[in-house]
Protein backbone atom coordinates (compact mmCIF):
# COMPACT_ATOMS: atom_id res chain seq x y z
CA MET A 1 204.72 71.48 282.87
CA ASN A 2 202.53 74.58 282.52
CA THR A 3 204.49 77.16 284.50
CA ARG A 4 202.81 80.51 285.06
CA ARG A 5 205.14 83.40 284.26
CA LEU A 6 204.72 87.10 284.93
CA ILE A 7 206.93 90.13 284.32
CA LEU A 8 205.92 93.31 286.13
CA ALA A 9 206.99 96.73 284.84
CA TYR A 10 207.50 99.50 287.39
CA HIS A 11 209.03 102.94 286.97
CA ARG A 12 209.25 104.61 290.36
CA VAL A 13 208.73 104.06 294.09
CA LEU A 14 208.25 107.22 296.19
CA PRO A 15 207.22 108.03 299.78
CA ASN A 16 204.65 110.59 298.57
CA PRO A 17 204.09 109.99 294.85
CA ASP A 18 203.26 113.02 292.71
CA ASP A 19 204.07 111.24 289.47
CA PRO A 20 201.52 108.92 287.79
CA LEU A 21 204.36 106.52 287.00
CA ALA A 22 205.15 106.08 290.70
CA VAL A 23 203.78 103.72 293.33
CA SER A 24 204.09 104.49 297.03
CA LEU A 25 206.42 102.59 299.34
CA GLN A 26 203.43 100.96 301.00
CA GLN A 27 201.86 99.99 297.68
CA PHE A 28 205.13 98.41 296.56
CA ARG A 29 205.60 96.49 299.80
CA ASP A 30 201.97 95.32 299.80
CA GLN A 31 202.21 94.17 296.18
CA LEU A 32 205.41 92.17 296.70
CA THR A 33 204.05 90.66 299.90
CA TYR A 34 200.88 89.62 298.06
CA LEU A 35 202.97 87.88 295.40
CA GLN A 36 204.84 85.99 298.11
CA ASP A 37 201.62 85.04 299.90
CA GLN A 38 200.21 83.73 296.61
CA GLY A 39 203.23 81.48 296.11
CA TRP A 40 205.02 83.42 293.37
CA MET A 41 208.76 82.81 293.13
CA SER A 42 211.01 85.74 292.24
CA VAL A 43 213.39 84.92 289.38
CA THR A 44 215.58 86.77 286.91
CA LEU A 45 214.50 87.57 283.37
CA GLN A 46 216.72 84.69 282.25
CA GLY A 47 214.73 82.37 284.51
CA ILE A 48 211.45 83.62 283.06
CA ALA A 49 212.64 83.15 279.48
CA SER A 50 214.28 79.71 279.80
CA PRO A 51 211.89 76.72 279.74
CA GLU A 52 214.81 74.39 280.46
CA LEU A 53 215.13 75.99 283.90
CA TRP A 54 211.45 75.85 284.90
CA SER A 55 211.54 72.30 286.26
CA SER A 56 214.20 73.36 288.76
CA PHE A 57 211.73 75.85 290.27
CA GLY A 58 209.44 73.08 291.49
CA GLY A 59 206.41 73.99 289.40
CA ARG A 60 205.95 77.35 291.16
CA SER A 61 204.60 80.45 289.44
CA LEU A 62 207.48 82.72 288.40
CA VAL A 63 207.62 86.50 288.59
CA ALA A 64 210.29 88.92 287.39
CA ILE A 65 210.34 92.55 288.56
CA THR A 66 211.60 95.27 286.21
CA PHE A 67 212.09 99.03 286.50
CA ASP A 68 212.33 101.45 283.58
CA ASP A 69 214.30 104.68 283.09
CA GLY A 70 216.72 104.62 286.04
CA TYR A 71 215.34 107.18 288.48
CA LEU A 72 217.30 107.81 291.69
CA ASP A 73 214.35 106.57 293.75
CA ASN A 74 214.91 103.09 292.30
CA TYR A 75 218.11 102.95 294.32
CA LEU A 76 216.89 104.87 297.37
CA PHE A 77 213.51 103.23 297.93
CA ALA A 78 212.82 100.28 295.62
CA ALA A 79 216.06 98.35 296.05
CA PRO A 80 215.93 98.18 299.89
CA ILE A 81 212.38 96.76 299.83
CA LEU A 82 213.33 94.28 297.10
CA LYS A 83 216.33 93.13 299.14
CA GLU A 84 214.35 92.89 302.36
CA LEU A 85 211.70 90.69 300.75
CA GLY A 86 214.14 88.61 298.71
CA PHE A 87 213.15 89.72 295.19
CA HIS A 88 215.33 89.84 292.11
CA ALA A 89 214.91 92.81 289.77
CA THR A 90 216.20 94.25 286.51
CA PHE A 91 216.75 98.01 286.23
CA PHE A 92 216.64 99.36 282.66
CA VAL A 93 218.58 102.62 282.53
CA VAL A 94 218.85 105.35 279.89
CA THR A 95 222.62 105.70 279.64
CA GLY A 96 222.61 109.26 278.30
CA TYR A 97 220.91 110.40 281.50
CA VAL A 98 222.86 108.39 284.10
CA GLY A 99 225.03 110.70 286.20
CA THR A 100 223.51 113.90 284.82
CA SER A 101 221.16 116.53 286.22
CA LYS A 102 218.80 116.19 283.25
CA ILE A 103 215.17 115.33 283.87
CA PHE A 104 213.35 113.09 281.44
CA PRO A 105 211.50 115.00 278.69
CA TRP A 106 208.04 113.69 279.61
CA MET A 107 208.27 115.34 283.03
CA SER A 108 207.01 118.90 283.36
CA LYS A 109 209.56 121.61 284.05
CA SER A 110 208.06 122.41 287.44
CA SER A 111 210.10 123.05 290.58
CA THR A 112 208.95 119.64 291.87
CA SER A 113 210.30 117.95 288.75
CA LEU A 114 213.64 119.65 289.22
CA SER A 115 214.13 118.26 292.73
CA LYS A 116 216.89 115.73 293.24
CA ILE A 117 214.52 112.80 293.73
CA ASN A 118 213.33 113.16 290.13
CA LEU A 119 216.82 112.93 288.68
CA PRO A 120 218.37 109.77 287.24
CA MET A 121 220.78 107.63 289.20
CA GLY A 122 224.51 108.24 288.98
CA TRP A 123 226.96 105.54 287.96
CA GLU A 124 227.83 104.98 291.62
CA GLU A 125 224.22 104.00 292.39
CA VAL A 126 223.98 101.81 289.28
CA ARG A 127 227.18 100.00 290.27
CA GLN A 128 225.82 99.52 293.77
CA LEU A 129 222.71 97.85 292.34
CA ARG A 130 225.00 95.54 290.38
CA ASP A 131 227.01 94.77 293.52
CA GLU A 132 223.82 93.95 295.43
CA GLY A 133 222.96 91.27 292.87
CA PHE A 134 220.44 93.13 290.74
CA GLU A 135 220.57 93.04 286.95
CA VAL A 136 221.04 96.22 284.91
CA GLY A 137 219.72 96.39 281.36
CA SER A 138 219.58 98.95 278.58
CA HIS A 139 216.79 101.41 277.91
CA THR A 140 218.81 102.98 275.03
CA VAL A 141 220.94 106.14 275.15
CA THR A 142 218.30 108.86 274.86
CA HIS A 143 214.96 107.03 275.23
CA SER A 144 214.27 107.51 271.52
CA LEU A 145 211.28 105.79 269.95
CA LEU A 146 213.28 103.33 267.90
CA THR A 147 210.86 102.95 264.98
CA GLN A 148 210.64 106.73 264.58
CA VAL A 149 214.35 107.37 263.98
CA THR A 150 216.51 106.18 261.10
CA ALA A 151 217.78 102.61 261.11
CA LYS A 152 221.31 103.94 261.65
CA GLU A 153 220.20 105.98 264.67
CA ALA A 154 218.23 103.06 266.13
CA LEU A 155 221.21 100.74 265.81
CA LYS A 156 223.43 103.32 267.49
CA GLU A 157 220.95 103.73 270.37
CA LEU A 158 220.93 99.97 270.95
CA ASP A 159 224.66 99.39 270.52
CA ASP A 160 226.07 102.45 272.29
CA SER A 161 223.91 101.99 275.39
CA ARG A 162 225.00 98.35 275.73
CA ARG A 163 228.66 99.22 275.23
CA THR A 164 228.50 102.03 277.79
CA LEU A 165 226.86 99.81 280.39
CA GLN A 166 229.41 97.06 279.85
CA GLU A 167 232.28 99.53 280.16
CA GLN A 168 230.89 101.15 283.30
CA LEU A 169 229.71 97.97 285.05
CA GLU A 170 232.21 95.41 283.70
CA VAL A 171 229.50 92.75 283.30
CA PRO A 172 227.71 91.42 280.21
CA ILE A 173 224.54 93.35 279.38
CA MET A 174 221.97 90.85 278.14
CA SER A 175 218.63 92.68 278.13
CA ILE A 176 216.93 95.61 276.42
CA CYS A 177 213.69 97.42 277.16
CA TYR A 178 212.31 99.18 274.08
CA PRO A 179 211.29 102.74 275.05
CA ALA A 180 207.52 103.21 275.12
CA GLY A 181 207.10 99.64 273.87
CA ASN A 182 208.03 100.98 270.43
CA TYR A 183 209.57 98.30 268.23
CA ASN A 184 209.15 96.28 265.05
CA GLN A 185 210.86 93.23 263.61
CA GLN A 186 213.72 95.31 262.23
CA ILE A 187 214.41 96.67 265.73
CA VAL A 188 214.33 93.15 267.16
CA ARG A 189 216.86 92.00 264.54
CA MET A 190 219.09 94.94 265.44
CA ALA A 191 218.86 94.12 269.14
CA ARG A 192 219.92 90.54 268.42
CA GLN A 193 222.68 91.77 266.10
CA VAL A 194 224.37 93.93 268.75
CA GLY A 195 224.25 91.18 271.36
CA TYR A 196 221.05 91.37 273.39
CA GLN A 197 219.59 88.02 274.37
CA LEU A 198 216.40 89.23 276.07
CA GLY A 199 213.99 92.07 275.37
CA VAL A 200 210.86 93.28 277.15
CA VAL A 201 207.81 95.21 276.04
CA THR A 202 204.56 96.30 277.66
CA PRO A 203 202.07 95.65 274.83
CA CYS A 204 200.48 98.79 273.39
CA TRP A 205 198.65 96.91 270.64
CA ALA A 206 197.06 93.51 270.21
CA GLY A 207 198.85 90.50 268.80
CA VAL A 208 202.32 90.98 270.28
CA LYS A 209 204.04 87.67 269.67
CA GLU A 210 206.19 86.64 272.63
CA THR A 211 209.79 85.66 271.96
CA ARG A 212 212.97 85.97 274.03
CA LEU A 213 213.37 89.48 272.58
CA THR A 214 209.71 90.49 273.01
CA LEU A 215 208.83 89.26 276.50
CA ARG A 216 205.45 90.73 277.48
CA ARG A 217 205.14 92.68 280.73
CA VAL A 218 202.34 94.06 282.88
CA GLY A 219 202.67 97.69 283.94
CA VAL A 220 202.02 98.74 287.55
CA TYR A 221 201.22 102.38 288.39
CA GLY A 222 200.27 104.49 291.36
CA SER A 223 196.67 104.79 290.18
CA ASN A 224 196.23 101.01 290.35
CA SER A 225 194.15 100.03 293.36
CA PHE A 226 195.05 96.81 295.15
CA ARG A 227 192.07 95.18 293.45
CA ILE A 228 193.40 96.18 290.04
CA PHE A 229 196.83 94.85 290.99
CA GLN A 230 195.21 91.52 291.91
CA LEU A 231 193.57 91.43 288.47
CA LYS A 232 196.85 92.27 286.75
CA VAL A 233 198.65 89.30 288.31
CA SER A 234 195.71 86.91 287.78
CA PRO A 235 195.64 84.24 285.03
CA ILE A 236 192.84 86.02 283.16
CA PHE A 237 194.57 89.39 282.77
CA PRO A 238 196.51 88.61 279.55
CA LEU A 239 193.25 87.64 277.84
CA VAL A 240 191.37 90.66 279.19
CA ARG A 241 194.13 93.02 278.06
CA GLU A 242 194.34 91.43 274.62
CA LEU A 243 190.59 91.80 274.13
CA MET A 244 190.66 95.45 275.19
CA LEU A 245 193.61 96.16 272.90
CA MET A 246 191.81 94.48 270.01
CA LEU A 247 188.90 96.85 270.50
CA GLY A 248 191.05 99.94 270.29
CA PRO A 249 190.38 103.33 271.97
CA ARG A 250 187.38 104.25 269.82
CA GLN A 251 185.57 100.94 270.30
CA ARG A 252 186.39 100.89 274.02
CA GLY A 253 184.66 104.26 274.24
CA LEU A 254 181.46 102.60 272.98
CA LEU A 255 181.38 100.07 275.84
CA PRO A 256 178.54 100.45 278.34
CA ALA A 257 179.34 103.17 280.88
CA THR A 258 178.99 100.80 283.81
CA LYS A 259 181.33 100.60 286.79
CA ARG A 260 182.54 97.18 285.65
CA PHE A 261 183.58 98.33 282.18
CA LYS A 262 185.13 101.55 283.49
CA TRP A 263 187.12 99.48 285.98
CA LEU A 264 188.33 97.13 283.24
CA ALA A 265 189.36 100.08 281.07
CA ARG A 266 191.45 101.52 283.91
CA ALA A 267 192.98 98.14 284.70
CA THR A 268 194.07 97.47 281.13
CA LYS A 269 195.43 100.91 280.34
CA ASP A 270 199.24 100.92 280.38
CA VAL A 271 201.41 104.01 280.31
CA GLU A 272 204.73 103.16 278.67
CA ASP A 273 207.90 105.21 279.20
């Protein structure tokens, strides 16, 4: 049975987004409703990654929703819409930020960035997500780029974050999201070594081989029009993205400056965090 599978990667959901990583509440609701109307079935990451389970889903297309970083708005705005519409989701949190007043380093130090809504969740909110049936996964301790630190540091990032989550939540932590899609085979071996069974990545280069520890995702951002979202969840998008990644930034810049090619460039550009 050829079961269509899709993993979507979100970061934030805000009433009035001022962050390029964020979608609006209406965008998020419209996107999930579209998936339902198109017959997609919401499943966990385990469901996506387990061919032996696919027959039990009746041949339907399967979608898993993920969120990266662990912003407070995930709890305040995303989770209620997910619950209302009956969607599963996995929230990948950076354990060194949970319960702190630190903002993530890629955010500017503006007064807007320092507002409460831009802070990470506390452990109380993360536990509430667990209690509401959502999965929580690791996004490391500090959001380090794992191939750009020493092997010892990378292993510590992977292991300590999993241990902390298991201590705080008292449930097995099965999944890892590699920060910025930054990984190699050594990092994958480390992830397996410390106990992760599933890993996700939003491809930043061509030729990403999909395994249980390198499940490919599609990023969704506030700049994505509804038409671009429709392309991203269509059967042709993986091929289109792979072709654009094979070209590379320099070659993509040589494409004809037509509306169609500009639109494809926007649609296939992912911002990983």
